[in-house]
Amino acid sequence: MYNYDGKYSILDAPAHLTSFLLESNGKIVDYLTVPENGNLNFNLKIYVYLPNHVQGEFEGIYLSIYSTGLKNDIYLSQQVADVTEIAMNPVGLVFPVEIDANLLIDIHAINIQLALSSKHDGEMGIGESLLLGRFLNTLIPLKEVQHD
């Protein structure tokens, strides 16, 4: 997703997702199951194509995860992968994610966003940079553990 303000097409995004997989308990899944106790653990495996004209312009790919379904979304996790030196293109990355299950009570989906940024965490303007560099914005459904 790059059309955040209606001015740009998806082809204007600074990066292009070529593969997106969720892995939980060693299996590829299309939703996540919230454990009864403990933490929600999963891996997000992606391949991202970086066009030649953007290589070297960005510090990292940021993974941001928020809860959804509440009046105010809750920030759950953020990670960054260094992409300053690219050995191959598309770039393959794995983000191991751990979220406290207590933060997911009455939440039915999480919002996953991927963005390129030339800024560092805490640097002035990082929020705007992540908005402008976003190339994925999707929801992943959550299911509660079913009891027999």
N, C-alpha and C. Protein backbone atom coordinates (compact mmCIF):
# COMPACT_ATOMS: atom_id res chain seq x y z
N MET A 1 0.84 -1.18 0.00
CA MET A 1 0.00 0.00 0.00
C MET A 1 0.88 1.24 0.00
N TYR A 2 0.71 2.08 -0.94
CA TYR A 2 1.48 3.31 -0.97
C TYR A 2 0.58 4.51 -1.18
N ASN A 3 -0.65 4.32 -1.54
CA ASN A 3 -1.56 5.39 -1.89
C ASN A 3 -2.13 6.06 -0.63
N TYR A 4 -1.25 6.54 0.26
CA TYR A 4 -1.70 7.05 1.55
C TYR A 4 -2.44 8.37 1.44
N ASP A 5 -2.21 9.16 0.41
CA ASP A 5 -2.90 10.44 0.31
C ASP A 5 -3.57 10.65 -1.05
N GLY A 6 -3.61 9.61 -1.88
CA GLY A 6 -4.28 9.70 -3.16
C GLY A 6 -3.42 10.27 -4.29
N LYS A 7 -2.20 10.70 -3.99
CA LYS A 7 -1.36 11.31 -5.02
C LYS A 7 -0.48 10.30 -5.76
N TYR A 8 -0.18 9.19 -5.14
CA TYR A 8 0.78 8.26 -5.71
C TYR A 8 0.11 6.93 -6.05
N SER A 9 0.64 6.27 -7.06
CA SER A 9 0.17 4.92 -7.36
C SER A 9 1.04 3.92 -6.62
N ILE A 10 0.61 2.69 -6.57
CA ILE A 10 1.38 1.65 -5.90
C ILE A 10 2.75 1.47 -6.56
N LEU A 11 2.86 1.78 -7.84
CA LEU A 11 4.15 1.65 -8.52
C LEU A 11 5.15 2.69 -8.08
N ASP A 12 4.70 3.74 -7.38
CA ASP A 12 5.60 4.76 -6.84
C ASP A 12 6.22 4.35 -5.51
N ALA A 13 5.78 3.22 -4.95
CA ALA A 13 6.32 2.78 -3.66
C ALA A 13 7.82 2.57 -3.78
N PRO A 14 8.57 2.82 -2.70
CA PRO A 14 10.02 2.69 -2.77
C PRO A 14 10.51 1.24 -2.78
N ALA A 15 9.62 0.30 -2.49
CA ALA A 15 9.97 -1.12 -2.47
C ALA A 15 8.74 -1.91 -2.89
N HIS A 16 8.98 -3.16 -3.31
CA HIS A 16 7.87 -3.99 -3.79
C HIS A 16 7.98 -5.37 -3.15
N LEU A 17 6.94 -5.75 -2.46
CA LEU A 17 6.89 -7.04 -1.79
C LEU A 17 6.70 -8.14 -2.84
N THR A 18 7.58 -9.13 -2.85
CA THR A 18 7.44 -10.24 -3.80
C THR A 18 6.99 -11.52 -3.12
N SER A 19 7.15 -11.61 -1.79
CA SER A 19 6.70 -12.78 -1.04
C SER A 19 6.44 -12.38 0.40
N PHE A 20 5.38 -12.96 0.97
CA PHE A 20 4.96 -12.64 2.34
C PHE A 20 4.42 -13.93 2.95
N LEU A 21 5.08 -14.44 3.97
CA LEU A 21 4.62 -15.66 4.63
C LEU A 21 4.59 -15.47 6.13
N LEU A 22 3.53 -15.99 6.75
CA LEU A 22 3.43 -16.06 8.20
C LEU A 22 3.73 -17.50 8.60
N GLU A 23 4.62 -17.66 9.57
CA GLU A 23 4.96 -19.00 10.05
C GLU A 23 4.71 -19.05 11.54
N SER A 24 3.92 -20.03 11.96
CA SER A 24 3.63 -20.22 13.38
C SER A 24 3.76 -21.70 13.70
N ASN A 25 4.51 -22.02 14.73
CA ASN A 25 4.76 -23.41 15.13
C ASN A 25 5.29 -24.25 13.96
N GLY A 26 6.16 -23.66 13.16
CA GLY A 26 6.78 -24.37 12.06
C GLY A 26 5.90 -24.58 10.83
N LYS A 27 4.71 -23.98 10.82
CA LYS A 27 3.80 -24.14 9.69
C LYS A 27 3.46 -22.78 9.09
N ILE A 28 3.26 -22.76 7.76
CA ILE A 28 2.79 -21.56 7.09
C ILE A 28 1.30 -21.43 7.37
N VAL A 29 0.86 -20.24 7.84
CA VAL A 29 -0.54 -20.03 8.24
C VAL A 29 -1.10 -18.79 7.57
N ASP A 30 -2.43 -18.70 7.54
CA ASP A 30 -3.08 -17.50 6.99
C ASP A 30 -3.82 -16.72 8.06
N TYR A 31 -3.71 -17.14 9.30
CA TYR A 31 -4.20 -16.41 10.47
C TYR A 31 -3.34 -16.83 11.65
N LEU A 32 -3.44 -16.12 12.75
CA LEU A 32 -2.66 -16.44 13.95
C LEU A 32 -3.59 -16.83 15.07
N THR A 33 -3.16 -17.80 15.87
CA THR A 33 -3.95 -18.25 17.02
C THR A 33 -3.34 -17.67 18.29
N VAL A 34 -4.16 -16.97 19.05
CA VAL A 34 -3.71 -16.36 20.30
C VAL A 34 -3.66 -17.43 21.38
N PRO A 35 -2.52 -17.64 22.01
CA PRO A 35 -2.44 -18.67 23.04
C PRO A 35 -3.22 -18.27 24.29
N GLU A 36 -3.64 -19.29 25.04
CA GLU A 36 -4.40 -19.04 26.28
C GLU A 36 -3.53 -18.30 27.29
N ASN A 37 -2.28 -18.69 27.38
CA ASN A 37 -1.31 -18.06 28.29
C ASN A 37 -0.02 -17.80 27.53
N GLY A 38 0.73 -16.85 28.01
CA GLY A 38 2.04 -16.61 27.41
C GLY A 38 2.00 -15.60 26.29
N ASN A 39 2.83 -15.85 25.28
CA ASN A 39 3.01 -14.88 24.20
C ASN A 39 2.61 -15.48 22.86
N LEU A 40 2.19 -14.59 21.96
CA LEU A 40 1.96 -14.96 20.57
C LEU A 40 3.31 -14.86 19.87
N ASN A 41 3.77 -15.97 19.30
CA ASN A 41 5.05 -16.02 18.61
C ASN A 41 4.82 -16.44 17.17
N PHE A 42 5.44 -15.71 16.26
CA PHE A 42 5.38 -16.09 14.85
C PHE A 42 6.54 -15.44 14.12
N ASN A 43 6.81 -15.95 12.92
CA ASN A 43 7.82 -15.36 12.05
C ASN A 43 7.13 -14.76 10.84
N LEU A 44 7.56 -13.60 10.44
CA LEU A 44 7.13 -12.99 9.20
C LEU A 44 8.30 -13.09 8.24
N LYS A 45 8.11 -13.85 7.16
CA LYS A 45 9.16 -14.03 6.17
C LYS A 45 8.77 -13.27 4.91
N ILE A 46 9.67 -12.40 4.47
CA ILE A 46 9.35 -11.59 3.30
C ILE A 46 10.52 -11.56 2.32
N TYR A 47 10.19 -11.30 1.07
CA TYR A 47 11.17 -10.93 0.06
C TYR A 47 10.70 -9.60 -0.50
N VAL A 48 11.64 -8.67 -0.59
CA VAL A 48 11.34 -7.31 -1.04
C VAL A 48 12.29 -6.95 -2.18
N TYR A 49 11.69 -6.49 -3.28
CA TYR A 49 12.49 -6.00 -4.41
C TYR A 49 12.72 -4.50 -4.22
N LEU A 50 13.98 -4.10 -4.25
CA LEU A 50 14.36 -2.69 -4.15
C LEU A 50 14.88 -2.24 -5.51
N PRO A 51 14.14 -1.38 -6.22
CA PRO A 51 14.61 -0.90 -7.52
C PRO A 51 15.99 -0.24 -7.39
N ASN A 52 16.78 -0.31 -8.46
CA ASN A 52 18.15 0.23 -8.44
C ASN A 52 18.21 1.67 -7.97
N HIS A 53 17.23 2.49 -8.34
CA HIS A 53 17.31 3.92 -8.00
C HIS A 53 17.09 4.19 -6.51
N VAL A 54 16.63 3.21 -5.72
CA VAL A 54 16.46 3.44 -4.28
C VAL A 54 17.51 2.72 -3.45
N GLN A 55 18.29 1.84 -4.06
CA GLN A 55 19.31 1.12 -3.30
C GLN A 55 20.34 2.10 -2.75
N GLY A 56 20.63 1.98 -1.48
CA GLY A 56 21.59 2.85 -0.82
C GLY A 56 20.98 4.11 -0.24
N GLU A 57 19.72 4.40 -0.54
CA GLU A 57 19.06 5.60 -0.02
C GLU A 57 18.42 5.37 1.35
N PHE A 58 18.19 4.11 1.72
CA PHE A 58 17.44 3.81 2.93
C PHE A 58 18.29 3.03 3.92
N GLU A 59 18.03 3.28 5.21
CA GLU A 59 18.75 2.60 6.29
C GLU A 59 18.17 1.22 6.57
N GLY A 60 16.84 1.14 6.54
CA GLY A 60 16.26 -0.13 6.94
C GLY A 60 14.83 -0.29 6.52
N ILE A 61 14.36 -1.54 6.63
CA ILE A 61 12.96 -1.87 6.46
C ILE A 61 12.39 -2.04 7.86
N TYR A 62 11.37 -1.28 8.16
CA TYR A 62 10.74 -1.31 9.47
C TYR A 62 9.48 -2.16 9.42
N LEU A 63 9.35 -3.06 10.39
CA LEU A 63 8.13 -3.83 10.61
C LEU A 63 7.45 -3.21 11.82
N SER A 64 6.21 -2.74 11.66
CA SER A 64 5.43 -2.19 12.76
C SER A 64 4.15 -2.99 12.88
N ILE A 65 3.78 -3.32 14.11
CA ILE A 65 2.56 -4.10 14.34
C ILE A 65 1.71 -3.37 15.37
N TYR A 66 0.43 -3.22 15.03
CA TYR A 66 -0.53 -2.55 15.90
C TYR A 66 -1.75 -3.46 16.08
N SER A 67 -2.44 -3.30 17.21
CA SER A 67 -3.71 -3.99 17.38
C SER A 67 -4.77 -3.21 16.61
N THR A 68 -5.88 -3.84 16.34
CA THR A 68 -6.99 -3.17 15.68
C THR A 68 -8.27 -3.49 16.43
N GLY A 69 -9.32 -2.76 16.12
CA GLY A 69 -10.62 -3.04 16.71
C GLY A 69 -10.92 -2.23 17.95
N LEU A 70 -10.02 -1.37 18.36
CA LEU A 70 -10.25 -0.51 19.51
C LEU A 70 -10.35 0.93 19.03
N LYS A 71 -10.85 1.80 19.90
CA LYS A 71 -10.91 3.22 19.54
C LYS A 71 -9.52 3.76 19.23
N ASN A 72 -8.55 3.36 20.04
CA ASN A 72 -7.16 3.76 19.82
C ASN A 72 -6.33 2.50 19.60
N ASP A 73 -5.69 2.41 18.45
CA ASP A 73 -4.85 1.25 18.20
C ASP A 73 -3.69 1.23 19.19
N ILE A 74 -3.27 0.03 19.56
CA ILE A 74 -2.16 -0.14 20.49
C ILE A 74 -0.94 -0.58 19.71
N TYR A 75 0.17 0.08 19.95
CA TYR A 75 1.44 -0.30 19.35
C TYR A 75 1.91 -1.58 20.02
N LEU A 76 2.19 -2.63 19.26
CA LEU A 76 2.56 -3.92 19.82
C LEU A 76 4.03 -4.29 19.61
N SER A 77 4.59 -3.92 18.47
CA SER A 77 5.96 -4.35 18.17
C SER A 77 6.52 -3.53 17.02
N GLN A 78 7.83 -3.30 17.07
CA GLN A 78 8.51 -2.70 15.92
C GLN A 78 9.92 -3.28 15.85
N GLN A 79 10.31 -3.62 14.64
CA GLN A 79 11.65 -4.12 14.38
C GLN A 79 12.18 -3.45 13.13
N VAL A 80 13.49 -3.45 13.00
CA VAL A 80 14.08 -2.88 11.79
C VAL A 80 15.16 -3.84 11.28
N ALA A 81 15.20 -3.99 9.96
CA ALA A 81 16.24 -4.80 9.31
C ALA A 81 17.10 -3.88 8.46
N ASP A 82 18.39 -3.97 8.64
CA ASP A 82 19.34 -3.13 7.91
C ASP A 82 19.35 -3.52 6.43
N VAL A 83 19.17 -2.54 5.56
CA VAL A 83 19.26 -2.79 4.12
C VAL A 83 20.26 -1.84 3.45
N THR A 84 21.26 -1.40 4.22
CA THR A 84 22.24 -0.48 3.65
C THR A 84 23.17 -1.19 2.66
N GLU A 85 23.40 -2.47 2.86
CA GLU A 85 24.23 -3.23 1.92
C GLU A 85 23.43 -4.44 1.46
N ILE A 86 23.10 -4.45 0.20
CA ILE A 86 22.25 -5.49 -0.35
C ILE A 86 23.11 -6.50 -1.09
N ALA A 87 23.06 -7.76 -0.65
CA ALA A 87 23.84 -8.82 -1.29
C ALA A 87 23.07 -9.41 -2.47
N MET A 88 21.74 -9.43 -2.37
CA MET A 88 20.92 -9.95 -3.45
C MET A 88 19.61 -9.20 -3.50
N ASN A 89 18.97 -9.22 -4.63
CA ASN A 89 17.71 -8.49 -4.80
C ASN A 89 16.78 -9.39 -5.60
N PRO A 90 15.62 -9.76 -5.10
CA PRO A 90 14.97 -9.29 -3.89
C PRO A 90 15.71 -9.69 -2.60
N VAL A 91 15.51 -8.86 -1.59
CA VAL A 91 16.11 -9.05 -0.27
C VAL A 91 15.21 -9.98 0.54
N GLY A 92 15.77 -11.05 1.09
CA GLY A 92 15.01 -11.95 1.94
C GLY A 92 15.23 -11.61 3.40
N LEU A 93 14.13 -11.45 4.16
CA LEU A 93 14.21 -11.10 5.58
C LEU A 93 13.26 -11.96 6.39
N VAL A 94 13.65 -12.24 7.64
CA VAL A 94 12.78 -12.93 8.58
C VAL A 94 12.69 -12.07 9.83
N PHE A 95 11.46 -11.74 10.22
CA PHE A 95 11.22 -10.99 11.45
C PHE A 95 10.59 -11.95 12.47
N PRO A 96 11.32 -12.35 13.52
CA PRO A 96 10.70 -13.14 14.59
C PRO A 96 9.91 -12.19 15.49
N VAL A 97 8.63 -12.49 15.69
CA VAL A 97 7.76 -11.58 16.45
C VAL A 97 7.24 -12.28 17.70
N GLU A 98 7.27 -11.56 18.82
CA GLU A 98 6.71 -12.04 20.08
C GLU A 98 5.85 -10.93 20.67
N ILE A 99 4.57 -11.25 20.91
CA ILE A 99 3.64 -10.26 21.46
C ILE A 99 2.98 -10.86 22.70
N ASP A 100 2.95 -10.10 23.77
CA ASP A 100 2.28 -10.52 25.00
C ASP A 100 0.80 -10.76 24.71
N ALA A 101 0.33 -11.98 24.95
CA ALA A 101 -1.07 -12.34 24.66
C ALA A 101 -2.06 -11.49 25.45
N ASN A 102 -1.64 -10.95 26.59
CA ASN A 102 -2.53 -10.08 27.38
C ASN A 102 -2.90 -8.80 26.64
N LEU A 103 -2.05 -8.39 25.69
CA LEU A 103 -2.34 -7.19 24.89
C LEU A 103 -3.35 -7.47 23.79
N LEU A 104 -3.68 -8.74 23.58
CA LEU A 104 -4.54 -9.14 22.47
C LEU A 104 -5.95 -9.55 22.91
N ILE A 105 -6.31 -9.27 24.16
CA ILE A 105 -7.65 -9.60 24.65
C ILE A 105 -8.67 -8.77 23.88
N ASP A 106 -9.69 -9.44 23.35
CA ASP A 106 -10.77 -8.82 22.56
C ASP A 106 -10.26 -8.16 21.27
N ILE A 107 -9.12 -8.59 20.77
CA ILE A 107 -8.59 -8.10 19.51
C ILE A 107 -8.78 -9.20 18.47
N HIS A 108 -9.31 -8.85 17.32
CA HIS A 108 -9.61 -9.86 16.31
C HIS A 108 -8.67 -9.82 15.10
N ALA A 109 -7.77 -8.84 15.09
CA ALA A 109 -6.79 -8.75 14.00
C ALA A 109 -5.64 -7.86 14.45
N ILE A 110 -4.49 -8.07 13.82
CA ILE A 110 -3.38 -7.15 14.02
C ILE A 110 -3.05 -6.51 12.69
N ASN A 111 -2.62 -5.27 12.76
CA ASN A 111 -2.24 -4.50 11.57
C ASN A 111 -0.73 -4.61 11.41
N ILE A 112 -0.29 -5.12 10.26
CA ILE A 112 1.13 -5.23 9.96
C ILE A 112 1.48 -4.23 8.87
N GLN A 113 2.50 -3.43 9.14
CA GLN A 113 2.96 -2.44 8.17
C GLN A 113 4.45 -2.64 7.94
N LEU A 114 4.84 -2.52 6.68
CA LEU A 114 6.25 -2.55 6.31
C LEU A 114 6.58 -1.25 5.60
N ALA A 115 7.72 -0.66 5.95
CA ALA A 115 8.11 0.62 5.36
C ALA A 115 9.63 0.72 5.27
N LEU A 116 10.09 1.41 4.26
CA LEU A 116 11.50 1.78 4.16
C LEU A 116 11.68 3.16 4.77
N SER A 117 12.80 3.37 5.42
CA SER A 117 13.07 4.69 5.98
C SER A 117 14.56 4.98 5.92
N SER A 118 14.87 6.26 5.72
CA SER A 118 16.25 6.71 5.78
C SER A 118 16.58 7.26 7.16
N LYS A 119 15.59 7.26 8.06
CA LYS A 119 15.78 7.77 9.42
C LYS A 119 16.06 6.62 10.38
N HIS A 120 16.60 6.97 11.55
CA HIS A 120 16.86 6.01 12.62
C HIS A 120 15.76 6.14 13.68
N ASP A 121 15.56 5.08 14.47
CA ASP A 121 14.62 5.15 15.59
C ASP A 121 14.94 6.36 16.47
N GLY A 122 13.92 7.12 16.83
CA GLY A 122 14.08 8.27 17.70
C GLY A 122 14.50 9.54 16.98
N GLU A 123 14.87 9.43 15.73
CA GLU A 123 15.28 10.61 14.96
C GLU A 123 14.05 11.43 14.59
N MET A 124 14.19 12.74 14.63
CA MET A 124 13.09 13.62 14.27
C MET A 124 12.62 13.33 12.85
N GLY A 125 11.32 13.18 12.67
CA GLY A 125 10.75 12.92 11.37
C GLY A 125 10.60 11.45 11.02
N ILE A 126 10.91 10.54 11.96
CA ILE A 126 10.80 9.11 11.66
C ILE A 126 9.37 8.71 11.34
N GLY A 127 8.39 9.27 12.03
CA GLY A 127 6.98 8.93 11.77
C GLY A 127 6.56 9.26 10.35
N GLU A 128 6.89 10.45 9.90
CA GLU A 128 6.56 10.86 8.53
C GLU A 128 7.33 10.03 7.51
N SER A 129 8.58 9.72 7.83
CA SER A 129 9.39 8.90 6.94
C SER A 129 8.78 7.51 6.77
N LEU A 130 8.28 6.94 7.86
CA LEU A 130 7.65 5.61 7.77
C LEU A 130 6.35 5.68 6.99
N LEU A 131 5.62 6.76 7.13
CA LEU A 131 4.38 6.92 6.37
C LEU A 131 4.68 7.01 4.87
N LEU A 132 5.66 7.81 4.51
CA LEU A 132 6.00 7.98 3.10
C LEU A 132 6.65 6.74 2.49
N GLY A 133 7.35 5.96 3.32
CA GLY A 133 8.05 4.78 2.81
C GLY A 133 7.28 3.48 2.92
N ARG A 134 6.02 3.57 3.38
CA ARG A 134 5.24 2.34 3.58
C ARG A 134 4.92 1.67 2.25
N PHE A 135 5.15 0.36 2.19
CA PHE A 135 4.81 -0.40 0.99
C PHE A 135 3.91 -1.58 1.29
N LEU A 136 3.54 -1.80 2.55
CA LEU A 136 2.56 -2.82 2.90
C LEU A 136 1.80 -2.37 4.13
N ASN A 137 0.49 -2.54 4.08
CA ASN A 137 -0.39 -2.25 5.21
C ASN A 137 -1.51 -3.27 5.13
N THR A 138 -1.48 -4.27 6.01
CA THR A 138 -2.47 -5.34 5.92
C THR A 138 -2.92 -5.78 7.31
N LEU A 139 -4.05 -6.46 7.36
CA LEU A 139 -4.57 -7.02 8.60
C LEU A 139 -4.41 -8.53 8.59
N ILE A 140 -4.01 -9.09 9.73
CA ILE A 140 -3.90 -10.52 9.92
C ILE A 140 -4.92 -10.92 10.98
N PRO A 141 -5.86 -11.81 10.64
CA PRO A 141 -6.87 -12.21 11.62
C PRO A 141 -6.26 -13.00 12.78
N LEU A 142 -6.84 -12.81 13.96
CA LEU A 142 -6.46 -13.54 15.16
C LEU A 142 -7.63 -14.44 15.57
N LYS A 143 -7.31 -15.64 15.98
CA LYS A 143 -8.32 -16.56 16.52
C LYS A 143 -7.89 -16.97 17.90
N GLU A 144 -8.85 -17.11 18.79
CA GLU A 144 -8.54 -17.57 20.14
C GLU A 144 -8.43 -19.08 20.14
N VAL A 145 -7.67 -19.61 21.11
CA VAL A 145 -7.56 -21.05 21.27
C VAL A 145 -8.94 -21.61 21.57
N GLN A 146 -9.34 -22.65 20.84
CA GLN A 146 -10.63 -23.29 21.06
C GLN A 146 -10.49 -24.37 22.14
N HIS A 147 -11.40 -24.36 23.10
CA HIS A 147 -11.39 -25.39 24.15
C HIS A 147 -12.46 -26.41 23.86
N ASP A 148 -12.13 -27.69 24.07
CA ASP A 148 -13.11 -28.77 23.83
C ASP A 148 -14.09 -28.89 24.97
